[in-house]
């Protein structure tokens, strides 16, 4: 599968208004498939937040994960290989640009 284009601020503005976390996650999973990967979940004052990575450069991402597991650090190419996406319990989306 070819690399995926990063989500721009304009793209984000055009996303549907999600009613809840499940609806937002379902949209991203359907749209991006296995390029949309779960990172972690944390409890905040606003409720449960899920953090995902939208992999935009699969080759650099896999290489970076391998380096991280092998020696505990990553390079800039790894950091640029994905776009962080935060999904709040109420369906609000925050995307790093």
Protein backbone atom coordinates (compact mmCIF):
# COMPACT_ATOMS: atom_id res chain seq x y z
CA UNK A 1 0.00 0.00 0.00
CA UNK A 2 1.44 3.43 -0.88
CA UNK A 3 2.30 6.00 1.75
CA UNK A 4 -0.53 8.15 3.06
CA UNK A 5 -0.64 11.94 2.85
CA UNK A 6 -0.58 13.76 6.18
CA UNK A 7 -3.88 15.28 7.30
CA UNK A 8 -3.69 19.05 6.77
CA UNK A 9 -5.52 21.64 8.86
CA UNK A 10 -7.87 22.07 5.91
CA UNK A 11 -8.48 18.31 5.74
CA UNK A 12 -9.14 18.27 9.48
CA UNK A 13 -11.66 21.11 9.16
CA UNK A 14 -13.56 18.96 6.64
CA UNK A 15 -13.84 15.92 8.90
CA UNK A 16 -17.30 14.95 10.14
CA UNK A 17 -18.36 16.04 13.65
CA UNK A 18 -18.12 12.85 15.68
CA UNK A 19 -20.65 12.17 18.43
CA UNK A 20 -18.28 9.99 20.48
CA UNK A 21 -14.93 8.25 20.57
CA UNK A 22 -16.16 5.03 18.96
CA UNK A 23 -17.57 6.90 15.95
CA UNK A 24 -14.30 8.80 15.45
CA UNK A 25 -12.13 5.70 15.79
CA UNK A 26 -14.38 3.80 13.38
CA UNK A 27 -14.09 6.58 10.80
CA UNK A 28 -10.29 6.66 10.94
CA UNK A 29 -9.98 2.85 10.92
CA UNK A 30 -12.27 2.61 7.87
CA UNK A 31 -10.51 5.47 6.08
CA UNK A 32 -6.89 4.52 6.83
CA UNK A 33 -7.02 0.82 7.69
CA UNK A 34 -3.85 -0.63 9.20
CA UNK A 35 -2.04 2.71 8.71
CA UNK A 36 -4.05 3.99 11.72
CA UNK A 37 -2.50 2.34 14.78
CA UNK A 38 -3.30 2.57 18.48
CA UNK A 39 -0.55 4.00 20.68
CA UNK A 40 -1.99 4.40 24.17
CA UNK A 41 -5.00 5.40 26.24
CA UNK A 42 -4.96 7.73 29.25
CA UNK A 43 -7.49 9.08 31.72
CA UNK A 44 -7.85 12.86 31.81
CA UNK A 45 -10.21 15.26 33.57
CA UNK A 46 -12.35 15.19 30.42
CA UNK A 47 -12.45 11.38 30.37
CA UNK A 48 -10.62 8.66 28.49
CA UNK A 49 -8.38 9.79 25.58
CA UNK A 50 -6.97 7.50 22.92
CA UNK A 51 -3.76 8.32 21.10
CA UNK A 52 -3.17 6.93 17.62
CA UNK A 53 -0.51 7.20 14.95
CA UNK A 54 -1.40 7.73 11.31
CA UNK A 55 1.57 6.14 9.54
CA UNK A 56 2.50 8.30 6.58
CA UNK A 57 5.84 6.64 5.69
CA UNK A 58 5.65 2.94 6.45
CA UNK A 59 9.26 2.13 5.60
CA UNK A 60 10.67 4.84 7.93
CA UNK A 61 8.15 3.90 10.63
CA UNK A 62 9.12 0.21 10.63
CA UNK A 63 12.83 1.09 10.60
CA UNK A 64 12.30 3.51 13.51
CA UNK A 65 10.34 1.00 15.60
CA UNK A 66 13.08 -1.58 14.98
CA UNK A 67 15.78 0.92 16.09
CA UNK A 68 13.72 1.91 19.16
CA UNK A 69 13.35 -1.72 20.22
CA UNK A 70 17.03 -2.47 19.55
CA UNK A 71 18.75 0.51 21.17
CA UNK A 72 16.10 2.67 22.83
CA UNK A 73 16.31 5.74 20.61
CA UNK A 74 14.93 6.93 17.29
CA UNK A 75 15.92 9.37 14.61
CA UNK A 76 14.08 12.29 13.10
CA UNK A 77 12.95 10.17 10.13
CA UNK A 78 10.91 8.02 12.53
CA UNK A 79 9.30 11.06 14.16
CA UNK A 80 8.31 12.33 10.69
CA UNK A 81 6.94 8.94 9.61
CA UNK A 82 3.63 9.31 11.43
CA UNK A 83 1.10 11.92 12.46
CA UNK A 84 -0.22 11.82 16.05
CA UNK A 85 -4.01 11.80 16.45
CA UNK A 86 -5.74 12.28 19.81
CA UNK A 87 -9.38 11.22 20.13
CA UNK A 88 -11.30 12.35 23.20
CA UNK A 89 -14.19 10.46 24.77
CA UNK A 90 -16.69 12.98 23.37
CA UNK A 91 -15.39 12.51 19.80
CA UNK A 92 -13.19 15.61 19.66
CA UNK A 93 -10.12 15.18 17.46
CA UNK A 94 -6.70 16.77 17.81
CA UNK A 95 -4.21 16.15 14.99
CA UNK A 96 -0.56 17.28 15.16
CA UNK A 97 0.33 19.36 12.12
